[in-house]
């Protein structure tokens, strides 16, 4: 595992150094880092991410509300819950 992890960390560090060598001087000179098309893509991705996060939050909240026992109900442990696949059907 270490044989894979160390080169991966080294590559990430090298890429961060190269990015810093290019981005920091460009930003100080007032140049934009992204082109106009890159800015458009960034805005679209950010909007999509925000929409996905909002939808996911709503789904998680509604799922948690369905799972959580309300009021005086007691939660049945999973090991004691009846399973339809393990119960035998009544014989006629």
C-alpha atoms as a PDB file:
ATOM      1  CA  UNK A   1       0.000   0.000   0.000  1.00  0.00           C
ATOM      2  CA  UNK A   2       2.854   2.331   0.833  1.00  0.00           C
ATOM      3  CA  UNK A   3       4.390   1.697  -2.601  1.00  0.00           C
ATOM      4  CA  UNK A   4       1.296   3.204  -4.197  1.00  0.00           C
ATOM      5  CA  UNK A   5       0.651   5.961  -1.683  1.00  0.00           C
ATOM      6  CA  UNK A   6       4.091   7.592  -1.627  1.00  0.00           C
ATOM      7  CA  UNK A   7       4.349   8.178  -5.411  1.00  0.00           C
ATOM      8  CA  UNK A   8       0.773   9.459  -5.391  1.00  0.00           C
ATOM      9  CA  UNK A   9       1.560  11.982  -2.650  1.00  0.00           C
ATOM     10  CA  UNK A  10       4.747  12.979  -4.486  1.00  0.00           C
ATOM     11  CA  UNK A  11       2.791  13.624  -7.707  1.00  0.00           C
ATOM     12  CA  UNK A  12       0.242  15.746  -5.855  1.00  0.00           C
ATOM     13  CA  UNK A  13       2.976  17.788  -4.205  1.00  0.00           C
ATOM     14  CA  UNK A  14       4.763  18.361  -7.521  1.00  0.00           C
ATOM     15  CA  UNK A  15       1.512  19.444  -9.167  1.00  0.00           C
ATOM     16  CA  UNK A  16       0.797  21.891  -6.333  1.00  0.00           C
ATOM     17  CA  UNK A  17       4.268  23.410  -6.695  1.00  0.00           C
ATOM     18  CA  UNK A  18       3.849  23.817 -10.455  1.00  0.00           C
ATOM     19  CA  UNK A  19       0.394  25.328  -9.993  1.00  0.00           C
ATOM     20  CA  UNK A  20       1.735  27.775  -7.417  1.00  0.00           C
ATOM     21  CA  UNK A  21       4.616  28.763  -9.715  1.00  0.00           C
ATOM     22  CA  UNK A  22       2.162  29.564 -12.509  1.00  0.00           C
ATOM     23  CA  UNK A  23      -0.938  30.834 -10.718  1.00  0.00           C
ATOM     24  CA  UNK A  24       0.563  33.137  -8.089  1.00  0.00           C
ATOM     25  CA  UNK A  25       2.594  35.329 -10.496  1.00  0.00           C
ATOM     26  CA  UNK A  26      -0.307  35.451 -12.975  1.00  0.00           C
ATOM     27  CA  UNK A  27      -2.709  36.540 -10.256  1.00  0.00           C
ATOM     28  CA  UNK A  28      -0.303  39.220  -9.014  1.00  0.00           C
ATOM     29  CA  UNK A  29      -0.053  40.630 -12.542  1.00  0.00           C
ATOM     30  CA  UNK A  30      -3.848  40.852 -12.698  1.00  0.00           C
ATOM     31  CA  UNK A  31      -4.358  38.138 -15.308  1.00  0.00           C
ATOM     32  CA  UNK A  32      -7.357  35.842 -15.045  1.00  0.00           C
ATOM     33  CA  UNK A  33      -6.629  32.215 -14.379  1.00  0.00           C
ATOM     34  CA  UNK A  34      -9.569  30.927 -16.420  1.00  0.00           C
ATOM     35  CA  UNK A  35     -10.672  31.845 -19.907  1.00  0.00           C
ATOM     36  CA  UNK A  36     -14.203  33.094 -20.556  1.00  0.00           C
ATOM     37  CA  UNK A  37     -15.274  29.569 -21.459  1.00  0.00           C
ATOM     38  CA  UNK A  38     -13.611  28.221 -18.303  1.00  0.00           C
ATOM     39  CA  UNK A  39     -15.565  30.729 -16.214  1.00  0.00           C
ATOM     40  CA  UNK A  40     -18.826  29.585 -17.855  1.00  0.00           C
ATOM     41  CA  UNK A  41     -18.018  25.946 -17.136  1.00  0.00           C
ATOM     42  CA  UNK A  42     -17.146  26.822 -13.550  1.00  0.00           C
ATOM     43  CA  UNK A  43     -20.467  28.615 -13.035  1.00  0.00           C
ATOM     44  CA  UNK A  44     -22.424  25.690 -14.529  1.00  0.00           C
ATOM     45  CA  UNK A  45     -20.588  23.143 -12.388  1.00  0.00           C
ATOM     46  CA  UNK A  46     -21.077  25.219  -9.248  1.00  0.00           C
ATOM     47  CA  UNK A  47     -24.811  25.616  -9.939  1.00  0.00           C
ATOM     48  CA  UNK A  48     -25.162  21.879 -10.566  1.00  0.00           C
ATOM     49  CA  UNK A  49     -23.264  21.061  -7.390  1.00  0.00           C
ATOM     50  CA  UNK A  50     -25.449  23.383  -5.332  1.00  0.00           C
ATOM     51  CA  UNK A  51     -28.608  21.856  -6.792  1.00  0.00           C
ATOM     52  CA  UNK A  52     -27.352  18.323  -6.141  1.00  0.00           C
ATOM     53  CA  UNK A  53     -26.400  19.196  -2.563  1.00  0.00           C
ATOM     54  CA  UNK A  54     -29.830  20.682  -1.893  1.00  0.00           C
ATOM     55  CA  UNK A  55     -31.616  17.655  -3.345  1.00  0.00           C
ATOM     56  CA  UNK A  56     -29.384  15.220  -1.434  1.00  0.00           C
ATOM     57  CA  UNK A  57     -29.972  17.075   1.829  1.00  0.00           C
ATOM     58  CA  UNK A  58     -33.727  16.840   1.300  1.00  0.00           C
ATOM     59  CA  UNK A  59     -33.553  13.125   0.519  1.00  0.00           C
ATOM     60  CA  UNK A  60     -31.388  12.375   3.561  1.00  0.00           C
ATOM     61  CA  UNK A  61     -33.672  14.382   5.834  1.00  0.00           C
ATOM     62  CA  UNK A  62     -36.812  12.641   4.587  1.00  0.00           C
ATOM     63  CA  UNK A  63     -35.181   9.207   4.821  1.00  0.00           C
ATOM     64  CA  UNK A  64     -34.030   9.909   8.379  1.00  0.00           C
ATOM     65  CA  UNK A  65     -37.543  11.025   9.319  1.00  0.00           C
ATOM     66  CA  UNK A  66     -38.985   7.764   8.003  1.00  0.00           C
ATOM     67  CA  UNK A  67     -36.430   5.626   9.814  1.00  0.00           C
ATOM     68  CA  UNK A  68     -36.455   7.403  13.167  1.00  0.00           C
ATOM     69  CA  UNK A  69     -39.174   6.229  15.572  1.00  0.00           C
ATOM     70  CA  UNK A  70     -41.594   8.982  16.552  1.00  0.00           C
ATOM     71  CA  UNK A  71     -43.085   9.689  19.964  1.00  0.00           C
ATOM     72  CA  UNK A  72     -43.739   6.608  22.081  1.00  0.00           C
ATOM     73  CA  UNK A  73     -42.763   3.996  19.530  1.00  0.00           C
ATOM     74  CA  UNK A  74     -39.869   1.782  20.419  1.00  0.00           C
ATOM     75  CA  UNK A  75     -37.281   0.926  17.847  1.00  0.00           C
ATOM     76  CA  UNK A  76     -37.098  -2.761  17.006  1.00  0.00           C
ATOM     77  CA  UNK A  77     -33.515  -4.011  16.756  1.00  0.00           C
ATOM     78  CA  UNK A  78     -32.650  -5.365  13.348  1.00  0.00           C
ATOM     79  CA  UNK A  79     -31.835  -8.794  14.765  1.00  0.00           C
ATOM     80  CA  UNK A  80     -35.337  -9.093  16.259  1.00  0.00           C
ATOM     81  CA  UNK A  81     -37.248  -7.631  13.320  1.00  0.00           C
ATOM     82  CA  UNK A  82     -39.306 -10.198  11.399  1.00  0.00           C
ATOM     83  CA  UNK A  83     -38.006 -10.963   7.931  1.00  0.00           C
ATOM     84  CA  UNK A  84     -40.455 -12.055   5.282  1.00  0.00           C
ATOM     85  CA  UNK A  85     -37.826 -14.133   3.497  1.00  0.00           C
ATOM     86  CA  UNK A  86     -37.009 -16.214   6.591  1.00  0.00           C
ATOM     87  CA  UNK A  87     -40.566 -16.763   7.792  1.00  0.00           C
ATOM     88  CA  UNK A  88     -42.390 -19.729   6.401  1.00  0.00           C
ATOM     89  CA  UNK A  89     -45.728 -19.173   4.696  1.00  0.00           C
ATOM     90  CA  UNK A  90     -48.741 -20.856   6.330  1.00  0.00           C
ATOM     91  CA  UNK A  91     -49.725 -24.135   4.710  1.00  0.00           C
ATOM     92  CA  UNK A  92     -53.287 -24.452   3.362  1.00  0.00           C
END
